[in-house]
Amino acid sequence: MSAKPLNIKEIMDLIPHRYPFLLVDRVLDYEQGKWVKAVKNVTMNEPFFQGHFPGEPIMPGVLIIEALAQTGGIVAMMEDVAREKLAFFMTIDKAKFRRPVVPGDQLLLHVVEKKRVRGNIVQVHGEATVDGKIVCEADLMFSIFEKGQLKEG
């Protein structure tokens, strides 16, 4: 069953990230609360390519994980109708990097919710692929907080 794709504005309604930290360009398909397939177009215009690595640009692995985490945040936040919550990254487990990602690549991000614990902890598994080949995979965990809750204590 296919869902309506989400554009960048709809993504920004779900997660708080903005340029240059928003690493999800489009949600291609999803099943609410279960999985999301999204895309990140990797271009030479990315600010991180100025220093990683000049003359041999490679997308930093930590940013591939962040793109997976943002996609996981979308999975976690789709069920929150009020949108008054934030998904905070808690853990990375079993992360594997299999090949470099370079300008011109298109990252397909597929994140599946594995488990919800006490309603506010979400565990997901994510895979990033380029041209059908896995470039990165990891298990991630998020905690869901009310907006402003962290400032209170």
N, C-alpha and C. Protein backbone atom coordinates (compact mmCIF):
# COMPACT_ATOMS: atom_id res chain seq x y z
N MET A 1 0.84 -1.18 0.00
CA MET A 1 0.00 0.00 0.00
C MET A 1 0.88 1.24 0.00
N SER A 2 0.71 2.11 -0.96
CA SER A 2 1.51 3.32 -1.06
C SER A 2 0.80 4.50 -0.41
N ALA A 3 1.57 5.34 0.21
CA ALA A 3 1.06 6.57 0.81
C ALA A 3 1.48 7.74 -0.06
N LYS A 4 0.87 8.87 0.15
CA LYS A 4 1.22 10.08 -0.58
C LYS A 4 2.63 10.51 -0.19
N PRO A 5 3.51 10.74 -1.16
CA PRO A 5 4.86 11.22 -0.81
C PRO A 5 4.79 12.54 -0.03
N LEU A 6 5.81 12.77 0.79
CA LEU A 6 5.88 14.01 1.56
C LEU A 6 6.96 14.90 0.96
N ASN A 7 6.63 16.16 0.74
CA ASN A 7 7.62 17.11 0.23
C ASN A 7 8.40 17.72 1.39
N ILE A 8 9.33 18.60 1.08
CA ILE A 8 10.22 19.15 2.09
C ILE A 8 9.46 19.93 3.16
N LYS A 9 8.43 20.66 2.77
CA LYS A 9 7.65 21.42 3.76
C LYS A 9 6.96 20.47 4.74
N GLU A 10 6.40 19.39 4.23
CA GLU A 10 5.72 18.42 5.10
C GLU A 10 6.72 17.71 6.02
N ILE A 11 7.93 17.48 5.51
CA ILE A 11 8.99 16.91 6.35
C ILE A 11 9.34 17.87 7.47
N MET A 12 9.47 19.15 7.15
CA MET A 12 9.82 20.15 8.17
C MET A 12 8.69 20.34 9.18
N ASP A 13 7.46 19.97 8.83
CA ASP A 13 6.37 19.99 9.80
C ASP A 13 6.51 18.84 10.80
N LEU A 14 7.20 17.76 10.42
CA LEU A 14 7.36 16.59 11.29
C LEU A 14 8.60 16.66 12.17
N ILE A 15 9.72 17.13 11.60
CA ILE A 15 10.97 17.19 12.36
C ILE A 15 11.50 18.63 12.37
N PRO A 16 12.25 19.01 13.40
CA PRO A 16 12.66 20.41 13.55
C PRO A 16 13.89 20.83 12.75
N HIS A 17 14.54 19.93 12.06
CA HIS A 17 15.80 20.23 11.39
C HIS A 17 15.61 21.23 10.25
N ARG A 18 16.62 22.07 10.04
CA ARG A 18 16.63 23.05 8.96
C ARG A 18 18.02 23.08 8.36
N TYR A 19 18.16 23.74 7.19
CA TYR A 19 19.45 23.85 6.52
C TYR A 19 20.48 24.42 7.50
N PRO A 20 21.69 23.91 7.54
CA PRO A 20 22.25 22.86 6.71
C PRO A 20 22.12 21.46 7.33
N PHE A 21 21.31 21.33 8.36
CA PHE A 21 21.22 20.05 9.07
C PHE A 21 20.07 19.17 8.64
N LEU A 22 19.18 19.65 7.80
CA LEU A 22 18.09 18.81 7.29
C LEU A 22 18.66 17.93 6.19
N LEU A 23 18.67 16.63 6.41
CA LEU A 23 19.31 15.68 5.50
C LEU A 23 18.33 14.72 4.83
N VAL A 24 17.05 15.05 4.85
CA VAL A 24 16.04 14.26 4.15
C VAL A 24 15.36 15.21 3.17
N ASP A 25 15.43 14.88 1.87
CA ASP A 25 14.86 15.75 0.85
C ASP A 25 13.41 15.43 0.53
N ARG A 26 13.03 14.17 0.63
CA ARG A 26 11.68 13.76 0.24
C ARG A 26 11.36 12.41 0.87
N VAL A 27 10.14 12.24 1.30
CA VAL A 27 9.65 10.93 1.74
C VAL A 27 8.91 10.34 0.55
N LEU A 28 9.39 9.20 0.09
CA LEU A 28 8.82 8.56 -1.09
C LEU A 28 7.58 7.73 -0.77
N ASP A 29 7.64 7.03 0.36
CA ASP A 29 6.56 6.12 0.73
C ASP A 29 6.66 5.83 2.21
N TYR A 30 5.56 5.43 2.82
CA TYR A 30 5.58 5.10 4.25
C TYR A 30 4.32 4.34 4.62
N GLU A 31 4.41 3.67 5.76
CA GLU A 31 3.24 3.14 6.44
C GLU A 31 3.31 3.73 7.84
N GLN A 32 2.35 4.56 8.17
CA GLN A 32 2.39 5.35 9.40
C GLN A 32 2.71 4.49 10.62
N GLY A 33 3.75 4.92 11.36
CA GLY A 33 4.15 4.23 12.57
C GLY A 33 4.89 2.93 12.35
N LYS A 34 5.16 2.55 11.08
CA LYS A 34 5.83 1.28 10.81
C LYS A 34 7.13 1.44 10.05
N TRP A 35 7.11 2.17 8.92
CA TRP A 35 8.33 2.33 8.13
C TRP A 35 8.22 3.56 7.24
N VAL A 36 9.40 4.05 6.84
CA VAL A 36 9.49 5.20 5.93
C VAL A 36 10.60 4.93 4.93
N LYS A 37 10.34 5.27 3.66
CA LYS A 37 11.38 5.30 2.63
C LYS A 37 11.53 6.74 2.20
N ALA A 38 12.75 7.26 2.34
CA ALA A 38 13.02 8.65 2.04
C ALA A 38 14.26 8.75 1.16
N VAL A 39 14.54 9.95 0.68
CA VAL A 39 15.69 10.14 -0.20
C VAL A 39 16.47 11.38 0.23
N LYS A 40 17.78 11.28 0.10
CA LYS A 40 18.71 12.40 0.28
C LYS A 40 19.55 12.47 -0.99
N ASN A 41 19.41 13.57 -1.72
CA ASN A 41 20.24 13.79 -2.90
C ASN A 41 21.56 14.40 -2.45
N VAL A 42 22.65 13.75 -2.78
CA VAL A 42 23.97 14.20 -2.35
C VAL A 42 24.59 15.00 -3.50
N THR A 43 24.79 16.29 -3.26
CA THR A 43 25.33 17.16 -4.31
C THR A 43 26.66 17.76 -3.85
N MET A 44 27.43 18.24 -4.82
CA MET A 44 28.72 18.87 -4.51
C MET A 44 28.52 20.16 -3.71
N ASN A 45 27.30 20.70 -3.71
CA ASN A 45 27.01 21.94 -2.98
C ASN A 45 26.89 21.74 -1.47
N GLU A 46 26.95 20.51 -0.99
CA GLU A 46 26.85 20.26 0.45
C GLU A 46 28.01 20.95 1.17
N PRO A 47 27.73 21.69 2.25
CA PRO A 47 28.80 22.43 2.93
C PRO A 47 29.92 21.54 3.49
N PHE A 48 29.62 20.29 3.84
CA PHE A 48 30.65 19.42 4.43
C PHE A 48 31.71 18.98 3.43
N PHE A 49 31.42 19.07 2.12
CA PHE A 49 32.42 18.64 1.13
C PHE A 49 33.60 19.60 1.05
N GLN A 50 33.48 20.81 1.58
CA GLN A 50 34.60 21.74 1.58
C GLN A 50 35.78 21.20 2.39
N GLY A 51 35.48 20.41 3.42
CA GLY A 51 36.55 19.90 4.26
C GLY A 51 36.62 18.40 4.36
N HIS A 52 35.75 17.66 3.68
CA HIS A 52 35.71 16.20 3.82
C HIS A 52 35.52 15.55 2.46
N PHE A 53 36.45 15.27 1.78
CA PHE A 53 37.85 15.67 1.78
C PHE A 53 38.08 16.45 0.49
N PRO A 54 38.72 17.62 0.55
CA PRO A 54 38.96 18.40 -0.67
C PRO A 54 39.72 17.55 -1.70
N GLY A 55 39.22 17.57 -2.93
CA GLY A 55 39.84 16.78 -3.98
C GLY A 55 39.36 15.35 -4.04
N GLU A 56 38.76 14.84 -2.99
CA GLU A 56 38.23 13.47 -2.93
C GLU A 56 37.00 13.48 -2.02
N PRO A 57 35.92 14.19 -2.43
CA PRO A 57 34.78 14.39 -1.52
C PRO A 57 34.05 13.09 -1.20
N ILE A 58 33.87 12.86 0.10
CA ILE A 58 33.15 11.70 0.62
C ILE A 58 32.20 12.20 1.71
N MET A 59 30.94 11.77 1.65
CA MET A 59 29.99 12.16 2.69
C MET A 59 30.39 11.52 4.01
N PRO A 60 30.53 12.32 5.07
CA PRO A 60 30.90 11.75 6.36
C PRO A 60 29.89 10.70 6.84
N GLY A 61 30.40 9.59 7.36
CA GLY A 61 29.53 8.52 7.84
C GLY A 61 28.56 8.99 8.91
N VAL A 62 29.01 9.89 9.76
CA VAL A 62 28.14 10.39 10.83
C VAL A 62 26.93 11.11 10.24
N LEU A 63 27.07 11.73 9.07
CA LEU A 63 25.94 12.41 8.44
C LEU A 63 25.00 11.42 7.75
N ILE A 64 25.52 10.28 7.31
CA ILE A 64 24.64 9.23 6.79
C ILE A 64 23.80 8.69 7.94
N ILE A 65 24.43 8.47 9.09
CA ILE A 65 23.70 8.03 10.29
C ILE A 65 22.66 9.08 10.66
N GLU A 66 23.03 10.36 10.60
CA GLU A 66 22.09 11.44 10.92
C GLU A 66 20.90 11.43 9.96
N ALA A 67 21.14 11.18 8.67
CA ALA A 67 20.04 11.09 7.70
C ALA A 67 19.11 9.92 8.07
N LEU A 68 19.69 8.79 8.48
CA LEU A 68 18.87 7.67 8.93
C LEU A 68 18.10 8.04 10.20
N ALA A 69 18.76 8.76 11.12
CA ALA A 69 18.11 9.17 12.36
C ALA A 69 16.95 10.12 12.08
N GLN A 70 17.14 11.06 11.15
CA GLN A 70 16.05 11.97 10.81
C GLN A 70 14.88 11.20 10.19
N THR A 71 15.19 10.21 9.37
CA THR A 71 14.13 9.38 8.80
C THR A 71 13.44 8.59 9.91
N GLY A 72 14.21 8.11 10.87
CA GLY A 72 13.63 7.44 12.04
C GLY A 72 12.76 8.39 12.85
N GLY A 73 13.19 9.64 12.95
CA GLY A 73 12.38 10.66 13.63
C GLY A 73 11.04 10.86 12.94
N ILE A 74 11.05 10.78 11.62
CA ILE A 74 9.81 10.90 10.86
C ILE A 74 8.89 9.73 11.19
N VAL A 75 9.44 8.50 11.24
CA VAL A 75 8.65 7.33 11.62
C VAL A 75 8.04 7.55 13.00
N ALA A 76 8.87 8.00 13.94
CA ALA A 76 8.43 8.17 15.32
C ALA A 76 7.39 9.28 15.46
N MET A 77 7.51 10.34 14.67
CA MET A 77 6.65 11.50 14.84
C MET A 77 5.36 11.43 14.04
N MET A 78 5.25 10.53 13.10
CA MET A 78 4.04 10.46 12.27
C MET A 78 2.78 10.19 13.08
N GLU A 79 2.91 9.49 14.19
CA GLU A 79 1.74 9.18 15.00
C GLU A 79 1.34 10.32 15.91
N ASP A 80 2.19 11.33 16.07
CA ASP A 80 1.89 12.44 16.98
C ASP A 80 1.09 13.50 16.23
N VAL A 81 -0.20 13.48 16.41
CA VAL A 81 -1.08 14.39 15.69
C VAL A 81 -0.83 15.84 16.10
N ALA A 82 -0.57 16.10 17.36
CA ALA A 82 -0.41 17.48 17.84
C ALA A 82 0.90 18.11 17.38
N ARG A 83 1.90 17.32 17.04
CA ARG A 83 3.21 17.82 16.60
C ARG A 83 3.87 18.71 17.67
N GLU A 84 3.55 18.47 18.90
CA GLU A 84 4.14 19.25 19.99
C GLU A 84 5.24 18.44 20.69
N LYS A 85 5.82 17.48 19.96
CA LYS A 85 6.85 16.63 20.53
C LYS A 85 8.06 16.61 19.63
N LEU A 86 9.18 16.22 20.20
CA LEU A 86 10.44 16.07 19.47
C LEU A 86 11.01 14.69 19.74
N ALA A 87 11.64 14.11 18.72
CA ALA A 87 12.32 12.82 18.87
C ALA A 87 13.81 13.11 19.07
N PHE A 88 14.35 12.73 20.23
CA PHE A 88 15.76 12.93 20.53
C PHE A 88 16.51 11.62 20.38
N PHE A 89 17.60 11.68 19.63
CA PHE A 89 18.46 10.55 19.34
C PHE A 89 19.11 10.07 20.63
N MET A 90 18.99 8.77 20.95
CA MET A 90 19.56 8.22 22.17
C MET A 90 20.75 7.30 21.92
N THR A 91 20.59 6.32 21.01
CA THR A 91 21.67 5.35 20.82
C THR A 91 21.84 4.98 19.35
N ILE A 92 23.05 4.55 19.04
CA ILE A 92 23.39 3.93 17.76
C ILE A 92 23.98 2.56 18.11
N ASP A 93 23.49 1.53 17.45
CA ASP A 93 24.01 0.19 17.71
C ASP A 93 24.18 -0.52 16.37
N LYS A 94 25.19 -1.36 16.29
CA LYS A 94 25.44 -2.20 15.11
C LYS A 94 25.58 -1.39 13.82
N ALA A 95 26.19 -0.21 13.92
CA ALA A 95 26.40 0.62 12.73
C ALA A 95 27.50 0.01 11.86
N LYS A 96 27.21 -0.05 10.57
CA LYS A 96 28.19 -0.58 9.60
C LYS A 96 28.21 0.34 8.39
N PHE A 97 29.41 0.66 7.95
CA PHE A 97 29.61 1.46 6.75
C PHE A 97 30.25 0.56 5.71
N ARG A 98 29.61 0.43 4.56
CA ARG A 98 30.04 -0.56 3.58
C ARG A 98 30.74 0.02 2.35
N ARG A 99 30.43 1.26 2.00
CA ARG A 99 31.08 1.90 0.83
C ARG A 99 30.90 3.40 0.93
N PRO A 100 31.77 4.17 0.29
CA PRO A 100 31.67 5.63 0.39
C PRO A 100 30.48 6.18 -0.41
N VAL A 101 30.00 7.33 0.04
CA VAL A 101 28.94 8.08 -0.63
C VAL A 101 29.57 9.37 -1.14
N VAL A 102 29.38 9.65 -2.43
CA VAL A 102 30.05 10.79 -3.08
C VAL A 102 29.02 11.68 -3.77
N PRO A 103 29.44 12.92 -4.14
CA PRO A 103 28.51 13.80 -4.85
C PRO A 103 27.94 13.10 -6.09
N GLY A 104 26.65 13.32 -6.30
CA GLY A 104 25.96 12.68 -7.41
C GLY A 104 25.18 11.45 -6.99
N ASP A 105 25.51 10.90 -5.82
CA ASP A 105 24.77 9.74 -5.31
C ASP A 105 23.41 10.18 -4.78
N GLN A 106 22.48 9.26 -4.81
CA GLN A 106 21.18 9.47 -4.19
C GLN A 106 21.02 8.40 -3.12
N LEU A 107 20.95 8.85 -1.87
CA LEU A 107 20.77 7.93 -0.74
C LEU A 107 19.30 7.58 -0.61
N LEU A 108 18.98 6.31 -0.68
CA LEU A 108 17.64 5.85 -0.36
C LEU A 108 17.68 5.39 1.08
N LEU A 109 16.88 6.02 1.92
CA LEU A 109 16.87 5.77 3.36
C LEU A 109 15.62 4.97 3.70
N HIS A 110 15.81 3.77 4.25
CA HIS A 110 14.67 2.93 4.62
C HIS A 110 14.79 2.63 6.10
N VAL A 111 13.80 3.08 6.87
CA VAL A 111 13.82 2.91 8.32
C VAL A 111 12.54 2.20 8.74
N VAL A 112 12.70 1.14 9.54
CA VAL A 112 11.58 0.33 10.02
C VAL A 112 11.55 0.42 11.55
N GLU A 113 10.37 0.72 12.08
CA GLU A 113 10.21 0.72 13.54
C GLU A 113 10.23 -0.72 14.03
N LYS A 114 11.09 -0.98 15.02
CA LYS A 114 11.19 -2.32 15.60
C LYS A 114 10.32 -2.47 16.84
N LYS A 115 10.32 -1.40 17.68
CA LYS A 115 9.64 -1.54 18.96
C LYS A 115 9.42 -0.18 19.60
N ARG A 116 8.31 -0.05 20.32
CA ARG A 116 8.06 1.12 21.18
C ARG A 116 8.08 0.63 22.63
N VAL A 117 8.79 1.38 23.47
CA VAL A 117 8.91 1.02 24.88
C VAL A 117 8.27 2.15 25.69
N ARG A 118 7.31 1.81 26.51
CA ARG A 118 6.61 2.79 27.35
C ARG A 118 6.04 3.97 26.56
N GLY A 119 5.86 3.80 25.28
CA GLY A 119 5.25 4.85 24.48
C GLY A 119 6.16 5.99 24.08
N ASN A 120 7.26 6.22 24.83
CA ASN A 120 8.11 7.36 24.50
C ASN A 120 9.51 6.97 24.05
N ILE A 121 9.82 5.69 23.98
CA ILE A 121 11.10 5.21 23.46
C ILE A 121 10.79 4.42 22.19
N VAL A 122 11.49 4.77 21.11
CA VAL A 122 11.26 4.11 19.83
C VAL A 122 12.58 3.53 19.33
N GLN A 123 12.57 2.24 18.98
CA GLN A 123 13.73 1.58 18.39
C GLN A 123 13.44 1.33 16.91
N VAL A 124 14.44 1.64 16.06
CA VAL A 124 14.29 1.45 14.62
C VAL A 124 15.54 0.79 14.05
N HIS A 125 15.38 0.21 12.85
CA HIS A 125 16.52 -0.26 12.08
C HIS A 125 16.51 0.52 10.78
N GLY A 126 17.68 1.05 10.39
CA GLY A 126 17.77 1.82 9.17
C GLY A 126 18.83 1.29 8.22
N GLU A 127 18.53 1.41 6.93
CA GLU A 127 19.50 1.08 5.88
C GLU A 127 19.53 2.22 4.89
N ALA A 128 20.74 2.61 4.48
CA ALA A 128 20.93 3.60 3.43
C ALA A 128 21.56 2.87 2.24
N THR A 129 20.94 3.04 1.08
CA THR A 129 21.46 2.40 -0.13
C THR A 129 21.72 3.43 -1.21
N VAL A 130 22.66 3.10 -2.10
CA VAL A 130 22.92 3.86 -3.31
C VAL A 130 22.92 2.85 -4.45
N ASP A 131 22.10 3.10 -5.45
CA ASP A 131 21.99 2.19 -6.61
C ASP A 131 21.74 0.74 -6.18
N GLY A 132 20.91 0.57 -5.15
CA GLY A 132 20.53 -0.77 -4.70
C GLY A 132 21.55 -1.47 -3.81
N LYS A 133 22.67 -0.81 -3.52
CA LYS A 133 23.71 -1.41 -2.67
C LYS A 133 23.72 -0.71 -1.31
N ILE A 134 23.76 -1.51 -0.25
CA ILE A 134 23.79 -0.93 1.10
C ILE A 134 25.11 -0.20 1.32
N VAL A 135 25.01 1.07 1.74
CA VAL A 135 26.21 1.85 2.07
C VAL A 135 26.35 2.00 3.59
N CYS A 136 25.23 1.89 4.31
CA CYS A 136 25.26 2.03 5.76
C CYS A 136 24.00 1.40 6.34
N GLU A 137 24.14 0.83 7.53
CA GLU A 137 22.98 0.33 8.27
C GLU A 137 23.26 0.47 9.76
N ALA A 138 22.19 0.61 10.54
CA ALA A 138 22.35 0.78 11.98
C ALA A 138 21.01 0.58 12.68
N ASP A 139 21.08 0.21 13.96
CA ASP A 139 19.92 0.22 14.84
C ASP A 139 20.01 1.51 15.65
N LEU A 140 18.90 2.23 15.74
CA LEU A 140 18.86 3.53 16.40
C LEU A 140 17.73 3.54 17.42
N MET A 141 17.88 4.40 18.44
CA MET A 141 16.83 4.55 19.44
C MET A 141 16.61 6.03 19.70
N PHE A 142 15.32 6.38 19.90
CA PHE A 142 14.91 7.76 20.15
C PHE A 142 14.07 7.82 21.41
N SER A 143 14.10 8.97 22.05
CA SER A 143 13.18 9.25 23.14
C SER A 143 12.31 10.42 22.70
N ILE A 144 11.02 10.32 22.95
CA ILE A 144 10.07 11.35 22.54
C ILE A 144 9.81 12.26 23.74
N PHE A 145 10.01 13.56 23.55
CA PHE A 145 9.79 14.56 24.60
C PHE A 145 8.79 15.60 24.13
N GLU A 146 8.06 16.17 25.08
CA GLU A 146 7.23 17.33 24.79
C GLU A 146 8.17 18.50 24.47
N LYS A 147 7.80 19.35 23.53
CA LYS A 147 8.61 20.54 23.22
C LYS A 147 8.74 21.37 24.50
N GLY A 148 9.96 21.82 24.78
CA GLY A 148 10.24 22.62 25.97
C GLY A 148 10.50 21.81 27.22
N GLN A 149 10.27 20.51 27.20
CA GLN A 149 10.44 19.66 28.38
C GLN A 149 11.89 19.61 28.84
N LEU A 150 12.86 19.64 27.93
CA LEU A 150 14.26 19.56 28.32
C LEU A 150 14.69 20.77 29.12
N LYS A 151 14.14 21.94 28.85
CA LYS A 151 14.51 23.16 29.57
C LYS A 151 14.01 23.12 31.00
N GLU A 152 12.96 22.37 31.24
CA GLU A 152 12.35 22.33 32.57
C GLU A 152 13.13 21.46 33.55
N GLY A 153 14.02 20.64 33.07
CA GLY A 153 14.75 19.89 34.04
C GLY A 153 15.16 18.57 33.60
